[in-house]
Amino acid sequence: MLLAVLPGIVLLFIAWATGETIGFGDGMSVLLLGGMTGFRNCIWVLCISLMLLSAIAVLLLALKKAGRKTKIPYLPFLFVAEGIFVIFII
Protein backbone atom coordinates (compact mmCIF):
# COMPACT_ATOMS: atom_id res chain seq x y z
CA MET A 1 0.00 0.00 0.00
CA LEU A 2 2.91 2.33 0.70
CA LEU A 3 4.15 1.86 -2.86
CA ALA A 4 0.68 2.73 -4.20
CA VAL A 5 0.59 6.11 -2.44
CA LEU A 6 4.24 6.92 -3.18
CA PRO A 7 3.50 9.16 -6.22
CA GLY A 8 1.16 11.26 -4.08
CA ILE A 9 3.72 11.51 -1.29
CA VAL A 10 6.34 12.64 -3.82
CA LEU A 11 3.98 15.32 -5.19
CA LEU A 12 3.19 16.53 -1.68
CA PHE A 13 6.91 16.79 -0.94
CA ILE A 14 7.49 18.72 -4.19
CA ALA A 15 4.59 21.04 -3.30
CA TRP A 16 6.13 21.70 0.10
CA ALA A 17 9.68 22.13 -1.26
CA THR A 18 8.70 24.54 -4.05
CA GLY A 19 6.38 26.71 -2.00
CA GLU A 20 3.27 25.18 -3.55
CA THR A 21 4.18 25.62 -7.21
CA ILE A 22 2.42 22.28 -7.49
CA GLY A 23 -0.62 22.51 -5.24
CA PHE A 24 -1.19 20.41 -2.15
CA GLY A 25 -4.61 19.53 -3.56
CA ASP A 26 -2.99 17.92 -6.57
CA GLY A 27 -0.73 15.88 -4.32
CA MET A 28 -3.63 14.79 -2.14
CA SER A 29 -5.64 13.80 -5.22
CA VAL A 30 -2.79 11.67 -6.55
CA LEU A 31 -2.35 10.19 -3.07
CA LEU A 32 -6.00 9.11 -3.06
CA LEU A 33 -5.79 7.93 -6.66
CA GLY A 34 -2.84 5.71 -5.83
CA GLY A 35 -4.61 4.31 -2.80
CA MET A 36 -7.67 3.42 -4.87
CA THR A 37 -6.06 2.16 -8.07
CA GLY A 38 -2.62 0.88 -7.09
CA PHE A 39 0.88 1.94 -8.07
CA ARG A 40 0.97 0.81 -11.70
CA ASN A 41 -2.43 2.28 -12.59
CA CYS A 42 -1.59 5.51 -10.77
CA ILE A 43 1.58 5.88 -12.84
CA TRP A 44 -0.40 5.26 -16.03
CA VAL A 45 -2.96 7.92 -15.12
CA LEU A 46 -0.19 10.38 -14.20
CA CYS A 47 1.51 9.83 -17.56
CA ILE A 48 -1.73 10.29 -19.50
CA SER A 49 -2.64 13.43 -17.55
CA LEU A 50 0.79 14.97 -18.04
CA MET A 51 0.65 14.28 -21.78
CA LEU A 52 -2.77 15.95 -21.99
CA LEU A 53 -1.56 18.90 -19.95
CA SER A 54 1.53 19.27 -22.11
CA ALA A 55 -0.51 19.22 -25.32
CA ILE A 56 -2.89 21.90 -24.03
CA ALA A 57 -0.01 24.03 -22.73
CA VAL A 58 1.78 23.89 -26.10
CA LEU A 59 -1.46 24.76 -27.87
CA LEU A 60 -2.10 27.73 -25.56
CA LEU A 61 1.47 28.96 -26.02
CA ALA A 62 1.24 28.61 -29.81
CA LEU A 63 -2.04 30.56 -29.88
CA LYS A 64 -0.53 33.20 -27.55
CA LYS A 65 -3.36 32.66 -25.05
CA ALA A 66 -0.95 31.89 -22.23
CA GLY A 67 2.51 32.92 -21.19
CA ARG A 68 5.35 31.15 -19.51
CA LYS A 69 4.11 32.08 -16.02
CA THR A 70 0.47 31.16 -16.63
CA LYS A 71 -0.86 28.67 -14.10
CA ILE A 72 -2.94 25.81 -15.49
CA PRO A 73 -4.99 23.71 -13.04
CA TYR A 74 -3.89 20.07 -13.03
CA LEU A 75 -6.89 18.36 -11.45
CA PRO A 76 -9.17 18.50 -14.55
CA PHE A 77 -6.46 16.74 -16.56
CA LEU A 78 -6.13 14.11 -13.84
CA PHE A 79 -9.87 13.44 -13.95
CA VAL A 80 -9.93 13.20 -17.77
CA ALA A 81 -6.91 10.88 -17.71
CA GLU A 82 -8.62 8.60 -15.19
CA GLY A 83 -11.66 8.46 -17.46
CA ILE A 84 -9.50 7.63 -20.48
CA PHE A 85 -7.70 4.98 -18.46
CA VAL A 86 -10.90 3.35 -17.26
CA ILE A 87 -12.58 3.39 -20.69
CA PHE A 88 -9.69 2.37 -22.94
CA ILE A 89 -7.10 0.52 -20.86
CA ILE A 90 -8.91 -1.43 -18.16
PDB file of N, CA and C in Angstrom:
ATOM      1  N   MET A   1       0.829  -1.196   0.000  1.00  0.00           N
ATOM      2  CA  MET A   1       0.000   0.000   0.000  1.00  0.00           C
ATOM      3  C   MET A   1       0.869   1.254   0.000  1.00  0.00           C
ATOM      4  N   LEU A   2       2.019   1.172   0.670  1.00  0.00           N
ATOM      5  CA  LEU A   2       2.915   2.329   0.696  1.00  0.00           C
ATOM      6  C   LEU A   2       3.414   2.659  -0.699  1.00  0.00           C
ATOM      7  N   LEU A   3       3.695   1.646  -1.492  1.00  0.00           N
ATOM      8  CA  LEU A   3       4.147   1.863  -2.862  1.00  0.00           C
ATOM      9  C   LEU A   3       3.046   2.528  -3.690  1.00  0.00           C
ATOM     10  N   ALA A   4       1.795   2.179  -3.447  1.00  0.00           N
ATOM     11  CA  ALA A   4       0.675   2.735  -4.204  1.00  0.00           C
ATOM     12  C   ALA A   4       0.505   4.233  -3.959  1.00  0.00           C
ATOM     13  N   VAL A   5       0.773   4.693  -2.756  1.00  0.00           N
ATOM     14  CA  VAL A   5       0.592   6.109  -2.442  1.00  0.00           C
ATOM     15  C   VAL A   5       1.883   6.913  -2.608  1.00  0.00           C
ATOM     16  N   LEU A   6       2.953   6.247  -3.019  1.00  0.00           N
ATOM     17  CA  LEU A   6       4.240   6.922  -3.177  1.00  0.00           C
ATOM     18  C   LEU A   6       4.206   8.099  -4.163  1.00  0.00           C
ATOM     19  N   PRO A   7       3.552   7.991  -5.336  1.00  0.00           N
ATOM     20  CA  PRO A   7       3.502   9.161  -6.223  1.00  0.00           C
ATOM     21  C   PRO A   7       2.847  10.380  -5.565  1.00  0.00           C
ATOM     22  N   GLY A   8       1.808  10.157  -4.785  1.00  0.00           N
ATOM     23  CA  GLY A   8       1.157  11.255  -4.081  1.00  0.00           C
ATOM     24  C   GLY A   8       2.053  11.864  -3.018  1.00  0.00           C
ATOM     25  N   ILE A   9       2.790  11.021  -2.313  1.00  0.00           N
ATOM     26  CA  ILE A   9       3.723  11.515  -1.293  1.00  0.00           C
ATOM     27  C   ILE A   9       4.820  12.353  -1.949  1.00  0.00           C
ATOM     28  N   VAL A  10       5.306  11.886  -3.101  1.00  0.00           N
ATOM     29  CA  VAL A  10       6.338  12.641  -3.823  1.00  0.00           C
ATOM     30  C   VAL A  10       5.795  13.998  -4.265  1.00  0.00           C
ATOM     31  N   LEU A  11       4.564  14.036  -4.785  1.00  0.00           N
ATOM     32  CA  LEU A  11       3.979  15.317  -5.190  1.00  0.00           C
ATOM     33  C   LEU A  11       3.759  16.249  -4.002  1.00  0.00           C
ATOM     34  N   LEU A  12       3.353  15.694  -2.877  1.00  0.00           N
ATOM     35  CA  LEU A  12       3.192  16.525  -1.681  1.00  0.00           C
ATOM     36  C   LEU A  12       4.532  17.099  -1.226  1.00  0.00           C
ATOM     37  N   PHE A  13       5.581  16.299  -1.302  1.00  0.00           N
ATOM     38  CA  PHE A  13       6.913  16.786  -0.941  1.00  0.00           C
ATOM     39  C   PHE A  13       7.358  17.890  -1.907  1.00  0.00           C
ATOM     40  N   ILE A  14       7.129  17.689  -3.201  1.00  0.00           N
ATOM     41  CA  ILE A  14       7.492  18.718  -4.190  1.00  0.00           C
ATOM     42  C   ILE A  14       6.695  19.992  -3.942  1.00  0.00           C
ATOM     43  N   ALA A  15       5.416  19.859  -3.600  1.00  0.00           N
ATOM     44  CA  ALA A  15       4.594  21.037  -3.300  1.00  0.00           C
ATOM     45  C   ALA A  15       5.157  21.789  -2.106  1.00  0.00           C
ATOM     46  N   TRP A  16       5.555  21.060  -1.091  1.00  0.00           N
ATOM     47  CA  TRP A  16       6.126  21.703   0.099  1.00  0.00           C
ATOM     48  C   TRP A  16       7.473  22.348  -0.222  1.00  0.00           C
ATOM     49  N   ALA A  17       8.327  21.648  -0.981  1.00  0.00           N
ATOM     50  CA  ALA A  17       9.680  22.130  -1.264  1.00  0.00           C
ATOM     51  C   ALA A  17       9.692  23.336  -2.196  1.00  0.00           C
ATOM     52  N   THR A  18       8.712  23.438  -3.084  1.00  0.00           N
ATOM     53  CA  THR A  18       8.700  24.543  -4.054  1.00  0.00           C
ATOM     54  C   THR A  18       7.789  25.683  -3.637  1.00  0.00           C
ATOM     55  N   GLY A  19       7.275  25.642  -2.439  1.00  0.00           N
ATOM     56  CA  GLY A  19       6.382  26.713  -2.001  1.00  0.00           C
ATOM     57  C   GLY A  19       5.044  26.653  -2.709  1.00  0.00           C
ATOM     58  N   GLU A  20       4.569  25.472  -2.943  1.00  0.00           N
ATOM     59  CA  GLU A  20       3.269  25.179  -3.547  1.00  0.00           C
ATOM     60  C   GLU A  20       3.172  25.633  -5.003  1.00  0.00           C
ATOM     61  N   THR A  21       4.262  25.448  -5.771  1.00  0.00           N
ATOM     62  CA  THR A  21       4.178  25.618  -7.214  1.00  0.00           C
ATOM     63  C   THR A  21       3.252  24.546  -7.773  1.00  0.00           C
ATOM     64  N   ILE A  22       3.398  23.343  -7.283  1.00  0.00           N
ATOM     65  CA  ILE A  22       2.417  22.279  -7.488  1.00  0.00           C
ATOM     66  C   ILE A  22       1.559  22.301  -6.236  1.00  0.00           C
ATOM     67  N   GLY A  23       0.253  22.353  -6.395  1.00  0.00           N
ATOM     68  CA  GLY A  23      -0.622  22.508  -5.243  1.00  0.00           C
ATOM     69  C   GLY A  23      -0.702  21.280  -4.361  1.00  0.00           C
ATOM     70  N   PHE A  24      -0.997  21.518  -3.092  1.00  0.00           N
ATOM     71  CA  PHE A  24      -1.188  20.411  -2.154  1.00  0.00           C
ATOM     72  C   PHE A  24      -2.420  19.594  -2.530  1.00  0.00           C
ATOM     73  N   GLY A  25      -3.415  20.243  -3.123  1.00  0.00           N
ATOM     74  CA  GLY A  25      -4.613  19.528  -3.556  1.00  0.00           C
ATOM     75  C   GLY A  25      -4.306  18.511  -4.637  1.00  0.00           C
ATOM     76  N   ASP A  26      -3.393  18.867  -5.537  1.00  0.00           N
ATOM     77  CA  ASP A  26      -2.987  17.925  -6.575  1.00  0.00           C
ATOM     78  C   ASP A  26      -2.289  16.722  -5.959  1.00  0.00           C
ATOM     79  N   GLY A  27      -1.427  16.971  -4.998  1.00  0.00           N
ATOM     80  CA  GLY A  27      -0.727  15.882  -4.318  1.00  0.00           C
ATOM     81  C   GLY A  27      -1.683  14.982  -3.557  1.00  0.00           C
ATOM     82  N   MET A  28      -2.656  15.588  -2.887  1.00  0.00           N
ATOM     83  CA  MET A  28      -3.635  14.787  -2.137  1.00  0.00           C
ATOM     84  C   MET A  28      -4.494  13.964  -3.091  1.00  0.00           C
ATOM     85  N   SER A  29      -4.843  14.534  -4.237  1.00  0.00           N
ATOM     86  CA  SER A  29      -5.643  13.801  -5.222  1.00  0.00           C
ATOM     87  C   SER A  29      -4.878  12.597  -5.762  1.00  0.00           C
ATOM     88  N   VAL A  30      -3.606  12.783  -6.051  1.00  0.00           N
ATOM     89  CA  VAL A  30      -2.788  11.672  -6.548  1.00  0.00           C
ATOM     90  C   VAL A  30      -2.577  10.647  -5.441  1.00  0.00           C
ATOM     91  N   LEU A  31      -2.460  11.097  -4.211  1.00  0.00           N
ATOM     92  CA  LEU A  31      -2.345  10.192  -3.067  1.00  0.00           C
ATOM     93  C   LEU A  31      -3.579   9.295  -2.975  1.00  0.00           C
ATOM     94  N   LEU A  32      -4.759   9.882  -3.087  1.00  0.00           N
ATOM     95  CA  LEU A  32      -6.001   9.106  -3.055  1.00  0.00           C
ATOM     96  C   LEU A  32      -6.130   8.208  -4.278  1.00  0.00           C
ATOM     97  N   LEU A  33      -5.734   8.720  -5.437  1.00  0.00           N
ATOM     98  CA  LEU A  33      -5.788   7.926  -6.660  1.00  0.00           C
ATOM     99  C   LEU A  33      -4.915   6.683  -6.538  1.00  0.00           C
ATOM    100  N   GLY A  34      -3.725   6.850  -6.012  1.00  0.00           N
ATOM    101  CA  GLY A  34      -2.837   5.711  -5.826  1.00  0.00           C
ATOM    102  C   GLY A  34      -3.403   4.706  -4.841  1.00  0.00           C
ATOM    103  N   GLY A  35      -4.012   5.200  -3.785  1.00  0.00           N
ATOM    104  CA  GLY A  35      -4.605   4.306  -2.801  1.00  0.00           C
ATOM    105  C   GLY A  35      -5.776   3.513  -3.350  1.00  0.00           C
ATOM    106  N   MET A  36      -6.506   4.109  -4.300  1.00  0.00           N
ATOM    107  CA  MET A  36      -7.668   3.416  -4.867  1.00  0.00           C
ATOM    108  C   MET A  36      -7.315   2.517  -6.042  1.00  0.00           C
ATOM    109  N   THR A  37      -6.317   2.903  -6.838  1.00  0.00           N
ATOM    110  CA  THR A  37      -6.059   2.156  -8.072  1.00  0.00           C
ATOM    111  C   THR A  37      -4.796   1.311  -8.027  1.00  0.00           C
ATOM    112  N   GLY A  38      -3.884   1.601  -7.138  1.00  0.00           N
ATOM    113  CA  GLY A  38      -2.619   0.876  -7.089  1.00  0.00           C
ATOM    114  C   GLY A  38      -1.511   1.651  -7.791  1.00  0.00           C
ATOM    115  N   PHE A  39      -0.287   1.209  -7.574  1.00  0.00           N
ATOM    116  CA  PHE A  39       0.882   1.938  -8.066  1.00  0.00           C
ATOM    117  C   PHE A  39       0.934   2.006  -9.592  1.00  0.00           C
ATOM    118  N   ARG A  40       0.834   0.852 -10.237  1.00  0.00           N
ATOM    119  CA  ARG A  40       0.966   0.813 -11.700  1.00  0.00           C
ATOM    120  C   ARG A  40      -0.111   1.647 -12.389  1.00  0.00           C
ATOM    121  N   ASN A  41      -1.348   1.513 -11.973  1.00  0.00           N
ATOM    122  CA  ASN A  41      -2.432   2.284 -12.585  1.00  0.00           C
ATOM    123  C   ASN A  41      -2.284   3.774 -12.301  1.00  0.00           C
ATOM    124  N   CYS A  42      -1.804   4.106 -11.118  1.00  0.00           N
ATOM    125  CA  CYS A  42      -1.587   5.511 -10.769  1.00  0.00           C
ATOM    126  C   CYS A  42      -0.525   6.125 -11.681  1.00  0.00           C
ATOM    127  N   ILE A  43       0.533   5.394 -11.950  1.00  0.00           N
ATOM    128  CA  ILE A  43       1.582   5.884 -12.839  1.00  0.00           C
ATOM    129  C   ILE A  43       1.032   6.065 -14.251  1.00  0.00           C
ATOM    130  N   TRP A  44       0.214   5.126 -14.721  1.00  0.00           N
ATOM    131  CA  TRP A  44      -0.395   5.263 -16.034  1.00  0.00           C
ATOM    132  C   TRP A  44      -1.249   6.525 -16.117  1.00  0.00           C
ATOM    133  N   VAL A  45      -2.084   6.743 -15.120  1.00  0.00           N
ATOM    134  CA  VAL A  45      -2.960   7.920 -15.117  1.00  0.00           C
ATOM    135  C   VAL A  45      -2.128   9.205 -15.055  1.00  0.00           C
ATOM    136  N   LEU A  46      -1.067   9.210 -14.258  1.00  0.00           N
ATOM    137  CA  LEU A  46      -0.192  10.381 -14.200  1.00  0.00           C
ATOM    138  C   LEU A  46       0.437  10.667 -15.556  1.00  0.00           C
ATOM    139  N   CYS A  47       0.901   9.639 -16.234  1.00  0.00           N
ATOM    140  CA  CYS A  47       1.514   9.834 -17.559  1.00  0.00           C
ATOM    141  C   CYS A  47       0.505  10.378 -18.563  1.00  0.00           C
ATOM    142  N   ILE A  48      -0.695   9.811 -18.579  1.00  0.00           N
ATOM    143  CA  ILE A  48      -1.728  10.286 -19.502  1.00  0.00           C
ATOM    144  C   ILE A  48      -2.085  11.736 -19.201  1.00  0.00           C
ATOM    145  N   SER A  49      -2.252  12.061 -17.917  1.00  0.00           N
ATOM    146  CA  SER A  49      -2.640  13.427 -17.553  1.00  0.00           C
ATOM    147  C   SER A  49      -1.544  14.434 -17.886  1.00  0.00           C
ATOM    148  N   LEU A  50      -0.302  14.050 -17.706  1.00  0.00           N
ATOM    149  CA  LEU A  50       0.789  14.965 -18.036  1.00  0.00           C
ATOM    150  C   LEU A  50       0.928  15.161 -19.549  1.00  0.00           C
ATOM    151  N   MET A  51       0.645  14.118 -20.328  1.00  0.00           N
ATOM    152  CA  MET A  51       0.651  14.282 -21.781  1.00  0.00           C
ATOM    153  C   MET A  51      -0.472  15.212 -22.231  1.00  0.00           C
ATOM    154  N   LEU A  52      -1.662  15.056 -21.660  1.00  0.00           N
ATOM    155  CA  LEU A  52      -2.771  15.946 -21.985  1.00  0.00           C
ATOM    156  C   LEU A  52      -2.454  17.389 -21.611  1.00  0.00           C
ATOM    157  N   LEU A  53      -1.919  17.564 -20.415  1.00  0.00           N
ATOM    158  CA  LEU A  53      -1.564  18.896 -19.946  1.00  0.00           C
ATOM    159  C   LEU A  53      -0.505  19.532 -20.836  1.00  0.00           C
ATOM    160  N   SER A  54       0.473  18.754 -21.245  1.00  0.00           N
ATOM    161  CA  SER A  54       1.533  19.270 -22.114  1.00  0.00           C
ATOM    162  C   SER A  54       0.974  19.695 -23.464  1.00  0.00           C
ATOM    163  N   ALA A  55       0.076  18.892 -24.022  1.00  0.00           N
ATOM    164  CA  ALA A  55      -0.509  19.223 -25.317  1.00  0.00           C
ATOM    165  C   ALA A  55      -1.310  20.518 -25.238  1.00  0.00           C
ATOM    166  N   ILE A  56      -2.095  20.676 -24.196  1.00  0.00           N
ATOM    167  CA  ILE A  56      -2.891  21.903 -24.029  1.00  0.00           C
ATOM    168  C   ILE A  56      -1.983  23.104 -23.788  1.00  0.00           C
ATOM    169  N   ALA A  57      -0.937  22.927 -23.002  1.00  0.00           N
ATOM    170  CA  ALA A  57      -0.010  24.027 -22.728  1.00  0.00           C
ATOM    171  C   ALA A  57       0.695  24.485 -24.011  1.00  0.00           C
ATOM    172  N   VAL A  58       1.136  23.534 -24.830  1.00  0.00           N
ATOM    173  CA  VAL A  58       1.780  23.887 -26.096  1.00  0.00           C
ATOM    174  C   VAL A  58       0.797  24.595 -27.008  1.00  0.00           C
ATOM    175  N   LEU A  59      -0.438  24.119 -27.050  1.00  0.00           N
ATOM    176  CA  LEU A  59      -1.465  24.760 -27.867  1.00  0.00           C
ATOM    177  C   LEU A  59      -1.734  26.192 -27.401  1.00  0.00           C
ATOM    178  N   LEU A  60      -1.860  26.387 -26.092  1.00  0.00           N
ATOM    179  CA  LEU A  60      -2.096  27.728 -25.559  1.00  0.00           C
ATOM    180  C   LEU A  60      -0.916  28.660 -25.828  1.00  0.00           C
ATOM    181  N   LEU A  61       0.295  28.147 -25.720  1.00  0.00           N
ATOM    182  CA  LEU A  61       1.474  28.956 -26.021  1.00  0.00           C
ATOM    183  C   LEU A  61       1.532  29.310 -27.502  1.00  0.00           C
ATOM    184  N   ALA A  62       1.205  28.365 -28.366  1.00  0.00           N
ATOM    185  CA  ALA A  62       1.241  28.615 -29.807  1.00  0.00           C
ATOM    186  C   ALA A  62       0.186  29.634 -30.219  1.00  0.00           C
ATOM    187  N   LEU A  63      -0.967  29.608 -29.570  1.00  0.00           N
ATOM    188  CA  LEU A  63      -2.036  30.561 -29.881  1.00  0.00           C
ATOM    189  C   LEU A  63      -1.877  31.885 -29.143  1.00  0.00           C
ATOM    190  N   LYS A  64      -0.819  32.000 -28.347  1.00  0.00           N
ATOM    191  CA  LYS A  64      -0.530  33.204 -27.554  1.00  0.00           C
ATOM    192  C   LYS A  64      -1.661  33.541 -26.570  1.00  0.00           C
ATOM    193  N   LYS A  65      -2.310  32.492 -26.061  1.00  0.00           N
ATOM    194  CA  LYS A  65      -3.359  32.660 -25.052  1.00  0.00           C
ATOM    195  C   LYS A  65      -2.809  32.545 -23.642  1.00  0.00           C
ATOM    196  N   ALA A  66      -1.575  32.067 -23.539  1.00  0.00           N
ATOM    197  CA  ALA A  66      -0.947  31.888 -22.231  1.00  0.00           C
ATOM    198  C   ALA A  66       0.528  32.220 -22.356  1.00  0.00           C
ATOM    199  N   GLY A  67       1.087  32.629 -21.245  1.00  0.00           N
ATOM    200  CA  GLY A  67       2.514  32.921 -21.194  1.00  0.00           C
ATOM    201  C   GLY A  67       3.242  31.867 -20.388  1.00  0.00           C
ATOM    202  N   ARG A  68       4.509  32.112 -20.216  1.00  0.00           N
ATOM    203  CA  ARG A  68       5.348  31.151 -19.507  1.00  0.00           C
ATOM    204  C   ARG A  68       4.968  31.023 -18.024  1.00  0.00           C
ATOM    205  N   LYS A  69       4.468  32.075 -17.438  1.00  0.00           N
ATOM    206  CA  LYS A  69       4.114  32.075 -16.018  1.00  0.00           C
ATOM    207  C   LYS A  69       2.641  31.762 -15.758  1.00  0.00           C
ATOM    208  N   THR A  70       1.882  31.456 -16.794  1.00  0.00           N
ATOM    209  CA  THR A  70       0.466  31.160 -16.631  1.00  0.00           C
ATOM    210  C   THR A  70       0.293  29.853 -15.864  1.00  0.00           C
ATOM    211  N   LYS A  71      -0.581  29.872 -14.878  1.00  0.00           N
ATOM    212  CA  LYS A  71      -0.858  28.666 -14.098  1.00  0.00           C
ATOM    213  C   LYS A  71      -2.051  27.941 -14.708  1.00  0.00           C
ATOM    214  N   ILE A  72      -1.880  26.643 -14.933  1.00  0.00           N
ATOM    215  CA  ILE A  72      -2.945  25.811 -15.485  1.00  0.00           C
ATOM    216  C   ILE A  72      -3.316  24.788 -14.416  1.00  0.00           C
ATOM    217  N   PRO A  73      -4.595  24.693 -14.060  1.00  0.00           N
ATOM    218  CA  PRO A  73      -4.986  23.710 -13.044  1.00  0.00           C
ATOM    219  C   PRO A  73      -4.763  22.286 -13.535  1.00  0.00           C
ATOM    220  N   TYR A  74      -4.254  21.440 -12.668  1.00  0.00           N
ATOM    221  CA  TYR A  74      -3.894  20.073 -13.035  1.00  0.00           C
ATOM    222  C   TYR A  74      -5.028  19.083 -12.804  1.00  0.00           C
ATOM    223  N   LEU A  75      -5.864  19.328 -11.839  1.00  0.00           N
ATOM    224  CA  LEU A  75      -6.890  18.359 -11.450  1.00  0.00           C
ATOM    225  C   LEU A  75      -7.844  17.992 -12.586  1.00  0.00           C
ATOM    226  N   PRO A  76      -8.298  18.923 -13.429  1.00  0.00           N
ATOM    227  CA  PRO A  76      -9.167  18.505 -14.547  1.00  0.00           C
ATOM    228  C   PRO A  76      -8.482  17.498 -15.476  1.00  0.00           C
ATOM    229  N   PHE A  77      -7.194  17.667 -15.706  1.00  0.00           N
ATOM    230  CA  PHE A  77      -6.464  16.738 -16.558  1.00  0.00           C
ATOM    231  C   PHE A  77      -6.332  15.366 -15.886  1.00  0.00           C
ATOM    232  N   LEU A  78      -6.198  15.365 -14.585  1.00  0.00           N
ATOM    233  CA  LEU A  78      -6.127  14.107 -13.843  1.00  0.00           C
ATOM    234  C   LEU A  78      -7.452  13.356 -13.947  1.00  0.00           C
ATOM    235  N   PHE A  79      -8.565  14.077 -13.840  1.00  0.00           N
ATOM    236  CA  PHE A  79      -9.873  13.440 -13.955  1.00  0.00           C
ATOM    237  C   PHE A  79     -10.112  12.888 -15.360  1.00  0.00           C
ATOM    238  N   VAL A  80      -9.757  13.659 -16.386  1.00  0.00           N
ATOM    239  CA  VAL A  80      -9.925  13.198 -17.766  1.00  0.00           C
ATOM    240  C   VAL A  80      -9.039  11.979 -18.027  1.00  0.00           C
ATOM    241  N   ALA A  81      -7.822  12.009 -17.519  1.00  0.00           N
ATOM    242  CA  ALA A  81      -6.909  10.885 -17.706  1.00  0.00           C
ATOM    243  C   ALA A  81      -7.446   9.628 -17.026  1.00  0.00           C
ATOM    244  N   GLU A  82      -8.031   9.762 -15.866  1.00  0.00           N
ATOM    245  CA  GLU A  82      -8.618   8.602 -15.187  1.00  0.00           C
ATOM    246  C   GLU A  82      -9.765   8.041 -16.008  1.00  0.00           C
ATOM    247  N   GLY A  83     -10.580   8.918 -16.587  1.00  0.00           N
ATOM    248  CA  GLY A  83     -11.664   8.464 -17.455  1.00  0.00           C
ATOM    249  C   GLY A  83     -11.140   7.738 -18.682  1.00  0.00           C
ATOM    250  N   ILE A  84     -10.113   8.291 -19.313  1.00  0.00           N
ATOM    251  CA  ILE A  84      -9.501   7.634 -20.476  1.00  0.00           C
ATOM    252  C   ILE A  84      -8.943   6.280 -20.073  1.00  0.00           C
ATOM    253  N   PHE A  85      -8.295   6.230 -18.944  1.00  0.00           N
ATOM    254  CA  PHE A  85      -7.698   4.976 -18.461  1.00  0.00           C
ATOM    255  C   PHE A  85      -8.767   3.921 -18.224  1.00  0.00           C
ATOM    256  N   VAL A  86      -9.838   4.306 -17.583  1.00  0.00           N
ATOM    257  CA  VAL A  86     -10.900   3.350 -17.262  1.00  0.00           C
ATOM    258  C   VAL A  86     -11.596   2.865 -18.537  1.00  0.00           C
ATOM    259  N   ILE A  87     -11.849   3.763 -19.480  1.00  0.00           N
ATOM    260  CA  ILE A  87     -12.577   3.386 -20.692  1.00  0.00           C
ATOM    261  C   ILE A  87     -11.716   2.559 -21.646  1.00  0.00           C
ATOM    262  N   PHE A  88     -10.488   2.974 -21.870  1.00  0.00           N
ATOM    263  CA  PHE A  88      -9.691   2.370 -22.938  1.00  0.00           C
ATOM    264  C   PHE A  88      -8.684   1.329 -22.478  1.00  0.00           C
ATOM    265  N   ILE A  89      -8.206   1.403 -21.263  1.00  0.00           N
ATOM    266  CA  ILE A  89      -7.104   0.522 -20.858  1.00  0.00           C
ATOM    267  C   ILE A  89      -7.578  -0.617 -19.971  1.00  0.00           C
ATOM    268  N   ILE A  90      -8.471  -0.345 -19.071  1.00  0.00           N
ATOM    269  CA  ILE A  90      -8.907  -1.426 -18.163  1.00  0.00           C
ATOM    270  C   ILE A  90      -9.884  -2.337 -18.879  1.00  0.00           C
TER     271      ILE A  90
END
